[in-house]
Amino acid sequence: MLILVWFVVCIIFIFVQLILEGSGHALEVFALLTAIALFLINKLGKKTNNK
């Protein structure tokens, strides 16, 4: 599960850097997208563990 989280964070970082490389809001967008992705991974992990 930790490897999945690492890959997701790295992919989000690459996309944010490519799209918003010169913007001052890149860090905020990265933090927001990472929080959403980690929330969804957590929900997915709990859903598969309960079955």
N, C-alpha and C. Protein backbone atom coordinates (compact mmCIF):
# COMPACT_ATOMS: atom_id res chain seq x y z
N MET A 1 0.83 -1.20 0.00
CA MET A 1 0.00 0.00 0.00
C MET A 1 0.87 1.26 0.00
N LEU A 2 1.99 1.19 0.71
CA LEU A 2 2.88 2.34 0.78
C LEU A 2 3.49 2.66 -0.59
N ILE A 3 3.78 1.63 -1.36
CA ILE A 3 4.32 1.84 -2.71
C ILE A 3 3.28 2.51 -3.59
N LEU A 4 2.02 2.13 -3.46
CA LEU A 4 0.94 2.77 -4.21
C LEU A 4 0.86 4.26 -3.86
N VAL A 5 0.92 4.57 -2.60
CA VAL A 5 0.87 5.97 -2.16
C VAL A 5 2.06 6.74 -2.73
N TRP A 6 3.25 6.14 -2.70
CA TRP A 6 4.44 6.80 -3.22
C TRP A 6 4.30 7.10 -4.71
N PHE A 7 3.81 6.12 -5.50
CA PHE A 7 3.63 6.33 -6.93
C PHE A 7 2.59 7.41 -7.21
N VAL A 8 1.51 7.41 -6.49
CA VAL A 8 0.45 8.41 -6.70
C VAL A 8 0.98 9.81 -6.40
N VAL A 9 1.70 9.96 -5.30
CA VAL A 9 2.24 11.28 -4.95
C VAL A 9 3.25 11.74 -6.00
N CYS A 10 4.09 10.85 -6.48
CA CYS A 10 5.07 11.22 -7.51
C CYS A 10 4.39 11.61 -8.82
N ILE A 11 3.37 10.89 -9.22
CA ILE A 11 2.65 11.21 -10.45
C ILE A 11 1.95 12.56 -10.32
N ILE A 12 1.31 12.81 -9.19
CA ILE A 12 0.67 14.11 -8.97
C ILE A 12 1.70 15.23 -9.01
N PHE A 13 2.86 15.01 -8.39
CA PHE A 13 3.91 16.02 -8.39
C PHE A 13 4.38 16.33 -9.81
N ILE A 14 4.57 15.31 -10.63
CA ILE A 14 5.02 15.52 -12.01
C ILE A 14 3.99 16.32 -12.79
N PHE A 15 2.71 15.96 -12.69
CA PHE A 15 1.68 16.68 -13.42
C PHE A 15 1.58 18.14 -12.97
N VAL A 16 1.64 18.39 -11.67
CA VAL A 16 1.56 19.75 -11.18
C VAL A 16 2.76 20.56 -11.65
N GLN A 17 3.94 19.97 -11.63
CA GLN A 17 5.13 20.68 -12.09
C GLN A 17 5.05 20.98 -13.58
N LEU A 18 4.52 20.06 -14.38
CA LEU A 18 4.40 20.29 -15.81
C LEU A 18 3.38 21.38 -16.14
N ILE A 19 2.28 21.38 -15.42
CA ILE A 19 1.20 22.32 -15.72
C ILE A 19 1.44 23.69 -15.09
N LEU A 20 1.89 23.72 -13.84
CA LEU A 20 2.01 24.99 -13.10
C LEU A 20 3.44 25.30 -12.70
N GLU A 21 4.40 25.02 -13.55
CA GLU A 21 5.80 25.17 -13.14
C GLU A 21 6.19 26.59 -12.74
N GLY A 22 5.62 27.60 -13.38
CA GLY A 22 5.99 28.96 -13.06
C GLY A 22 5.05 29.63 -12.08
N SER A 23 3.99 28.97 -11.72
CA SER A 23 2.98 29.58 -10.86
C SER A 23 3.37 29.50 -9.39
N GLY A 24 2.93 30.47 -8.63
CA GLY A 24 3.17 30.45 -7.20
C GLY A 24 2.19 29.57 -6.46
N HIS A 25 1.21 29.04 -7.17
CA HIS A 25 0.19 28.21 -6.53
C HIS A 25 0.43 26.73 -6.74
N ALA A 26 1.57 26.34 -7.27
CA ALA A 26 1.85 24.93 -7.55
C ALA A 26 1.86 24.10 -6.27
N LEU A 27 2.42 24.64 -5.20
CA LEU A 27 2.49 23.90 -3.94
C LEU A 27 1.11 23.68 -3.35
N GLU A 28 0.25 24.68 -3.44
CA GLU A 28 -1.10 24.54 -2.91
C GLU A 28 -1.90 23.51 -3.71
N VAL A 29 -1.77 23.55 -5.02
CA VAL A 29 -2.47 22.58 -5.86
C VAL A 29 -1.95 21.17 -5.60
N PHE A 30 -0.63 21.04 -5.45
CA PHE A 30 -0.04 19.74 -5.15
C PHE A 30 -0.56 19.20 -3.81
N ALA A 31 -0.61 20.05 -2.80
CA ALA A 31 -1.09 19.63 -1.48
C ALA A 31 -2.56 19.21 -1.54
N LEU A 32 -3.37 19.96 -2.24
CA LEU A 32 -4.79 19.65 -2.35
C LEU A 32 -5.01 18.33 -3.09
N LEU A 33 -4.36 18.16 -4.23
CA LEU A 33 -4.53 16.93 -5.00
C LEU A 33 -3.99 15.71 -4.25
N THR A 34 -2.90 15.89 -3.53
CA THR A 34 -2.34 14.78 -2.75
C THR A 34 -3.29 14.40 -1.61
N ALA A 35 -3.87 15.38 -0.95
CA ALA A 35 -4.81 15.09 0.13
C ALA A 35 -6.03 14.33 -0.40
N ILE A 36 -6.54 14.74 -1.54
CA ILE A 36 -7.70 14.05 -2.14
C ILE A 36 -7.32 12.62 -2.52
N ALA A 37 -6.15 12.45 -3.13
CA ALA A 37 -5.71 11.12 -3.54
C ALA A 37 -5.50 10.20 -2.34
N LEU A 38 -4.89 10.72 -1.29
CA LEU A 38 -4.68 9.90 -0.09
C LEU A 38 -6.00 9.54 0.57
N PHE A 39 -6.94 10.45 0.57
CA PHE A 39 -8.28 10.15 1.11
C PHE A 39 -8.94 9.02 0.32
N LEU A 40 -8.85 9.10 -1.01
CA LEU A 40 -9.46 8.05 -1.84
C LEU A 40 -8.75 6.71 -1.67
N ILE A 41 -7.43 6.72 -1.55
CA ILE A 41 -6.69 5.48 -1.32
C ILE A 41 -7.08 4.89 0.02
N ASN A 42 -7.25 5.73 1.03
CA ASN A 42 -7.66 5.25 2.35
C ASN A 42 -9.05 4.62 2.29
N LYS A 43 -9.99 5.27 1.59
CA LYS A 43 -11.34 4.72 1.46
C LYS A 43 -11.30 3.39 0.70
N LEU A 44 -10.49 3.31 -0.35
CA LEU A 44 -10.38 2.08 -1.13
C LEU A 44 -9.77 0.97 -0.28
N GLY A 45 -8.77 1.29 0.52
CA GLY A 45 -8.13 0.29 1.39
C GLY A 45 -9.09 -0.24 2.44
N LYS A 46 -9.88 0.63 3.02
CA LYS A 46 -10.84 0.19 4.04
C LYS A 46 -11.95 -0.64 3.41
N LYS A 47 -12.35 -0.29 2.19
CA LYS A 47 -13.41 -1.03 1.52
C LYS A 47 -12.96 -2.45 1.21
N THR A 48 -11.75 -2.63 0.76
CA THR A 48 -11.26 -3.97 0.41
C THR A 48 -10.93 -4.79 1.64
N ASN A 49 -10.57 -4.16 2.76
CA ASN A 49 -10.27 -4.90 3.98
C ASN A 49 -11.54 -5.39 4.68
N ASN A 50 -12.64 -4.73 4.51
CA ASN A 50 -13.89 -5.11 5.18
C ASN A 50 -14.59 -6.27 4.50
N LYS A 51 -14.26 -6.56 3.28
CA LYS A 51 -14.95 -7.65 2.56
C LYS A 51 -14.46 -9.01 2.99
